[in-house]
Amino acid sequence: MPDGTPVRGCPFIDAAAEFPDPKSAVRSYAREQKLRMIRLVTTLVTELGCCEPAALAERLVTLADGAASRAMVLGEADYGRHARTAAKTLLARALPSTV
């Protein structure tokens, strides 16, 4: 980041990596938070009238997770901007035509 603040990435990905046992309470909590995000985004894109909302939500959340991971590992915050550009493209294609 320009001010030297380290990019931390996603705390739920970090937690899942630190507690790989699927029976771990930490791992279960991280998993539930990731599933909760998918449900939230699915609801939002459904309300927008997007086609294939479940698939679109998976793509958008995957972009966010990927951007967070790359930003953390590579120490470069620009991945958020790249993901935003890709998300705008996905949304534009999924939104109903108003013409």
N, C-alpha and C. Protein backbone atom coordinates (compact mmCIF):
# COMPACT_ATOMS: atom_id res chain seq x y z
N MET A 1 0.84 -1.16 0.00
CA MET A 1 0.00 0.00 0.00
C MET A 1 0.89 1.23 0.00
N PRO A 2 0.41 2.33 -0.57
CA PRO A 2 1.25 3.52 -0.66
C PRO A 2 1.78 4.02 0.68
N ASP A 3 1.00 3.90 1.74
CA ASP A 3 1.45 4.41 3.04
C ASP A 3 2.28 3.40 3.82
N GLY A 4 2.56 2.26 3.21
CA GLY A 4 3.38 1.24 3.86
C GLY A 4 2.62 0.28 4.75
N THR A 5 1.31 0.48 4.89
CA THR A 5 0.49 -0.43 5.69
C THR A 5 0.41 -1.78 4.98
N PRO A 6 0.73 -2.86 5.66
CA PRO A 6 0.66 -4.16 4.99
C PRO A 6 -0.77 -4.53 4.62
N VAL A 7 -0.91 -5.20 3.50
CA VAL A 7 -2.22 -5.70 3.07
C VAL A 7 -2.46 -7.01 3.81
N ARG A 8 -3.56 -7.10 4.51
CA ARG A 8 -3.81 -8.27 5.36
C ARG A 8 -4.59 -9.38 4.68
N GLY A 9 -5.32 -9.10 3.64
CA GLY A 9 -6.10 -10.14 2.99
C GLY A 9 -7.36 -10.48 3.78
N CYS A 10 -7.85 -11.68 3.58
CA CYS A 10 -9.10 -12.11 4.21
C CYS A 10 -8.82 -12.88 5.50
N PRO A 11 -9.36 -12.43 6.62
CA PRO A 11 -9.11 -13.13 7.88
C PRO A 11 -9.69 -14.55 7.91
N PHE A 12 -10.73 -14.79 7.12
CA PHE A 12 -11.34 -16.13 7.12
C PHE A 12 -10.48 -17.11 6.33
N ILE A 13 -9.86 -16.65 5.26
CA ILE A 13 -8.91 -17.50 4.53
C ILE A 13 -7.71 -17.79 5.42
N ASP A 14 -7.22 -16.76 6.11
CA ASP A 14 -6.10 -16.96 7.04
C ASP A 14 -6.46 -17.99 8.11
N ALA A 15 -7.65 -17.87 8.69
CA ALA A 15 -8.07 -18.78 9.75
C ALA A 15 -8.18 -20.22 9.23
N ALA A 16 -8.74 -20.38 8.04
CA ALA A 16 -8.88 -21.72 7.47
C ALA A 16 -7.51 -22.34 7.19
N ALA A 17 -6.56 -21.51 6.78
CA ALA A 17 -5.21 -22.02 6.53
C ALA A 17 -4.52 -22.43 7.84
N GLU A 18 -4.76 -21.68 8.89
CA GLU A 18 -4.14 -21.97 10.19
C GLU A 18 -4.78 -23.15 10.91
N PHE A 19 -6.04 -23.42 10.59
CA PHE A 19 -6.79 -24.51 11.23
C PHE A 19 -7.38 -25.41 10.15
N PRO A 20 -6.54 -26.24 9.50
CA PRO A 20 -6.99 -27.02 8.34
C PRO A 20 -7.94 -28.17 8.66
N ASP A 21 -8.01 -28.59 9.92
CA ASP A 21 -8.90 -29.70 10.27
C ASP A 21 -10.35 -29.28 10.06
N PRO A 22 -11.09 -29.98 9.17
CA PRO A 22 -12.49 -29.62 8.90
C PRO A 22 -13.37 -29.64 10.15
N LYS A 23 -12.96 -30.35 11.20
CA LYS A 23 -13.75 -30.43 12.43
C LYS A 23 -13.43 -29.29 13.40
N SER A 24 -12.42 -28.50 13.08
CA SER A 24 -12.04 -27.38 13.94
C SER A 24 -13.15 -26.33 13.99
N ALA A 25 -13.42 -25.81 15.18
CA ALA A 25 -14.44 -24.76 15.32
C ALA A 25 -14.05 -23.51 14.54
N VAL A 26 -12.77 -23.20 14.51
CA VAL A 26 -12.31 -22.02 13.76
C VAL A 26 -12.55 -22.23 12.28
N ARG A 27 -12.18 -23.39 11.79
CA ARG A 27 -12.38 -23.71 10.37
C ARG A 27 -13.87 -23.68 10.03
N SER A 28 -14.70 -24.24 10.88
CA SER A 28 -16.15 -24.24 10.65
C SER A 28 -16.70 -22.83 10.61
N TYR A 29 -16.22 -21.96 11.50
CA TYR A 29 -16.68 -20.58 11.51
C TYR A 29 -16.26 -19.86 10.23
N ALA A 30 -15.02 -20.06 9.81
CA ALA A 30 -14.54 -19.44 8.57
C ALA A 30 -15.37 -19.92 7.38
N ARG A 31 -15.66 -21.20 7.34
CA ARG A 31 -16.48 -21.76 6.26
C ARG A 31 -17.87 -21.14 6.26
N GLU A 32 -18.48 -21.03 7.43
CA GLU A 32 -19.82 -20.45 7.52
C GLU A 32 -19.83 -18.99 7.06
N GLN A 33 -18.78 -18.26 7.38
CA GLN A 33 -18.72 -16.87 6.94
C GLN A 33 -18.60 -16.77 5.42
N LYS A 34 -17.84 -17.66 4.82
CA LYS A 34 -17.73 -17.68 3.35
C LYS A 34 -19.07 -18.04 2.71
N LEU A 35 -19.77 -19.00 3.28
CA LEU A 35 -21.09 -19.37 2.76
C LEU A 35 -22.10 -18.25 2.97
N ARG A 36 -21.98 -17.57 4.09
CA ARG A 36 -22.87 -16.43 4.37
C ARG A 36 -22.67 -15.33 3.33
N MET A 37 -21.43 -15.08 2.95
CA MET A 37 -21.15 -14.06 1.93
C MET A 37 -21.79 -14.44 0.60
N ILE A 38 -21.70 -15.71 0.23
CA ILE A 38 -22.33 -16.17 -1.01
C ILE A 38 -23.83 -15.93 -0.96
N ARG A 39 -24.45 -16.27 0.17
CA ARG A 39 -25.90 -16.06 0.30
C ARG A 39 -26.24 -14.57 0.19
N LEU A 40 -25.46 -13.73 0.82
CA LEU A 40 -25.71 -12.29 0.77
C LEU A 40 -25.60 -11.75 -0.66
N VAL A 41 -24.53 -12.10 -1.34
CA VAL A 41 -24.33 -11.61 -2.71
C VAL A 41 -25.39 -12.18 -3.63
N THR A 42 -25.77 -13.44 -3.44
CA THR A 42 -26.84 -14.03 -4.25
C THR A 42 -28.13 -13.25 -4.07
N THR A 43 -28.45 -12.90 -2.84
CA THR A 43 -29.65 -12.10 -2.58
C THR A 43 -29.57 -10.75 -3.29
N LEU A 44 -28.43 -10.10 -3.19
CA LEU A 44 -28.28 -8.77 -3.80
C LEU A 44 -28.41 -8.81 -5.32
N VAL A 45 -27.74 -9.76 -5.97
CA VAL A 45 -27.82 -9.80 -7.44
C VAL A 45 -29.19 -10.29 -7.90
N THR A 46 -29.86 -11.09 -7.08
CA THR A 46 -31.23 -11.48 -7.39
C THR A 46 -32.13 -10.26 -7.37
N GLU A 47 -31.98 -9.42 -6.34
CA GLU A 47 -32.77 -8.20 -6.23
C GLU A 47 -32.52 -7.24 -7.40
N LEU A 48 -31.31 -7.28 -7.95
CA LEU A 48 -30.99 -6.45 -9.12
C LEU A 48 -31.61 -7.01 -10.40
N GLY A 49 -32.08 -8.25 -10.35
CA GLY A 49 -32.67 -8.88 -11.52
C GLY A 49 -31.65 -9.52 -12.44
N CYS A 50 -30.46 -9.81 -11.92
CA CYS A 50 -29.42 -10.43 -12.73
C CYS A 50 -29.80 -11.85 -13.11
N CYS A 51 -29.38 -12.25 -14.31
CA CYS A 51 -29.61 -13.63 -14.72
C CYS A 51 -28.58 -14.53 -14.02
N GLU A 52 -28.97 -15.75 -13.77
CA GLU A 52 -28.13 -16.74 -13.09
C GLU A 52 -27.49 -16.17 -11.82
N PRO A 53 -28.29 -15.72 -10.86
CA PRO A 53 -27.75 -15.05 -9.68
C PRO A 53 -26.80 -15.90 -8.83
N ALA A 54 -27.08 -17.18 -8.70
CA ALA A 54 -26.20 -18.03 -7.88
C ALA A 54 -24.81 -18.14 -8.50
N ALA A 55 -24.77 -18.37 -9.81
CA ALA A 55 -23.48 -18.47 -10.49
C ALA A 55 -22.75 -17.13 -10.48
N LEU A 56 -23.49 -16.05 -10.69
CA LEU A 56 -22.88 -14.72 -10.66
C LEU A 56 -22.30 -14.43 -9.28
N ALA A 57 -23.03 -14.76 -8.23
CA ALA A 57 -22.55 -14.54 -6.87
C ALA A 57 -21.25 -15.31 -6.62
N GLU A 58 -21.20 -16.55 -7.06
CA GLU A 58 -19.96 -17.34 -6.90
C GLU A 58 -18.80 -16.66 -7.61
N ARG A 59 -19.03 -16.17 -8.80
CA ARG A 59 -17.97 -15.49 -9.56
C ARG A 59 -17.50 -14.22 -8.85
N LEU A 60 -18.45 -13.43 -8.37
CA LEU A 60 -18.10 -12.17 -7.71
C LEU A 60 -17.33 -12.42 -6.41
N VAL A 61 -17.78 -13.39 -5.63
CA VAL A 61 -17.10 -13.68 -4.38
C VAL A 61 -15.73 -14.30 -4.64
N THR A 62 -15.62 -15.11 -5.67
CA THR A 62 -14.32 -15.67 -6.04
C THR A 62 -13.36 -14.55 -6.43
N LEU A 63 -13.85 -13.56 -7.16
CA LEU A 63 -13.01 -12.40 -7.49
C LEU A 63 -12.52 -11.70 -6.22
N ALA A 64 -13.42 -11.48 -5.29
CA ALA A 64 -13.05 -10.80 -4.05
C ALA A 64 -12.02 -11.61 -3.26
N ASP A 65 -12.25 -12.92 -3.15
CA ASP A 65 -11.30 -13.77 -2.43
C ASP A 65 -9.94 -13.78 -3.11
N GLY A 66 -9.96 -13.90 -4.43
CA GLY A 66 -8.71 -13.90 -5.18
C GLY A 66 -7.95 -12.60 -5.04
N ALA A 67 -8.66 -11.50 -5.10
CA ALA A 67 -8.02 -10.19 -4.96
C ALA A 67 -7.42 -10.04 -3.56
N ALA A 68 -8.15 -10.46 -2.54
CA ALA A 68 -7.64 -10.37 -1.17
C ALA A 68 -6.40 -11.22 -0.99
N SER A 69 -6.42 -12.44 -1.53
CA SER A 69 -5.28 -13.34 -1.40
C SER A 69 -4.05 -12.81 -2.14
N ARG A 70 -4.25 -12.37 -3.37
CA ARG A 70 -3.12 -11.86 -4.15
C ARG A 70 -2.56 -10.59 -3.53
N ALA A 71 -3.43 -9.72 -3.05
CA ALA A 71 -2.97 -8.49 -2.43
C ALA A 71 -2.12 -8.79 -1.20
N MET A 72 -2.54 -9.77 -0.41
CA MET A 72 -1.79 -10.13 0.79
C MET A 72 -0.44 -10.76 0.43
N VAL A 73 -0.46 -11.75 -0.44
CA VAL A 73 0.76 -12.48 -0.77
C VAL A 73 1.77 -11.59 -1.50
N LEU A 74 1.26 -10.77 -2.42
CA LEU A 74 2.15 -9.94 -3.23
C LEU A 74 2.35 -8.55 -2.65
N GLY A 75 1.61 -8.21 -1.59
CA GLY A 75 1.75 -6.91 -0.96
C GLY A 75 1.35 -5.75 -1.86
N GLU A 76 0.36 -6.00 -2.71
CA GLU A 76 -0.04 -5.00 -3.70
C GLU A 76 -1.55 -4.82 -3.66
N ALA A 77 -1.99 -3.65 -3.29
CA ALA A 77 -3.42 -3.38 -3.14
C ALA A 77 -4.16 -3.21 -4.46
N ASP A 78 -3.46 -3.08 -5.57
CA ASP A 78 -4.11 -2.86 -6.87
C ASP A 78 -5.03 -4.00 -7.28
N TYR A 79 -4.90 -5.16 -6.66
CA TYR A 79 -5.75 -6.28 -7.06
C TYR A 79 -7.22 -6.00 -6.77
N GLY A 80 -7.51 -5.18 -5.81
CA GLY A 80 -8.89 -4.77 -5.56
C GLY A 80 -9.47 -4.01 -6.74
N ARG A 81 -8.66 -3.15 -7.33
CA ARG A 81 -9.12 -2.40 -8.51
C ARG A 81 -9.32 -3.33 -9.71
N HIS A 82 -8.43 -4.28 -9.87
CA HIS A 82 -8.58 -5.24 -10.97
C HIS A 82 -9.86 -6.06 -10.80
N ALA A 83 -10.10 -6.50 -9.58
CA ALA A 83 -11.31 -7.29 -9.31
C ALA A 83 -12.56 -6.44 -9.53
N ARG A 84 -12.52 -5.18 -9.15
CA ARG A 84 -13.68 -4.30 -9.34
C ARG A 84 -14.00 -4.16 -10.83
N THR A 85 -12.97 -3.99 -11.65
CA THR A 85 -13.19 -3.88 -13.10
C THR A 85 -13.83 -5.15 -13.64
N ALA A 86 -13.33 -6.30 -13.22
CA ALA A 86 -13.90 -7.58 -13.67
C ALA A 86 -15.33 -7.74 -13.17
N ALA A 87 -15.59 -7.33 -11.94
CA ALA A 87 -16.95 -7.43 -11.38
C ALA A 87 -17.93 -6.56 -12.15
N LYS A 88 -17.49 -5.37 -12.54
CA LYS A 88 -18.36 -4.49 -13.33
C LYS A 88 -18.73 -5.14 -14.65
N THR A 89 -17.77 -5.81 -15.27
CA THR A 89 -18.03 -6.50 -16.53
C THR A 89 -19.04 -7.63 -16.32
N LEU A 90 -18.84 -8.43 -15.28
CA LEU A 90 -19.78 -9.52 -14.99
C LEU A 90 -21.18 -8.99 -14.72
N LEU A 91 -21.27 -7.93 -13.93
CA LEU A 91 -22.58 -7.36 -13.62
C LEU A 91 -23.26 -6.79 -14.86
N ALA A 92 -22.50 -6.10 -15.69
CA ALA A 92 -23.07 -5.51 -16.90
C ALA A 92 -23.67 -6.58 -17.80
N ARG A 93 -23.02 -7.72 -17.88
CA ARG A 93 -23.52 -8.81 -18.72
C ARG A 93 -24.71 -9.53 -18.10
N ALA A 94 -24.81 -9.49 -16.78
CA ALA A 94 -25.87 -10.23 -16.09
C ALA A 94 -27.12 -9.40 -15.85
N LEU A 95 -26.99 -8.09 -15.88
CA LEU A 95 -28.15 -7.23 -15.64
C LEU A 95 -29.13 -7.30 -16.80
N PRO A 96 -30.41 -7.23 -16.51
CA PRO A 96 -31.40 -7.26 -17.60
C PRO A 96 -31.25 -6.02 -18.48
N SER A 97 -31.48 -6.22 -19.75
CA SER A 97 -31.40 -5.11 -20.70
C SER A 97 -32.59 -4.19 -20.49
N THR A 98 -32.32 -2.89 -20.48
CA THR A 98 -33.40 -1.92 -20.30
C THR A 98 -33.74 -1.21 -21.60
N VAL A 99 -33.16 -1.69 -22.70
CA VAL A 99 -33.41 -1.06 -24.00
C VAL A 99 -34.68 -1.59 -24.61
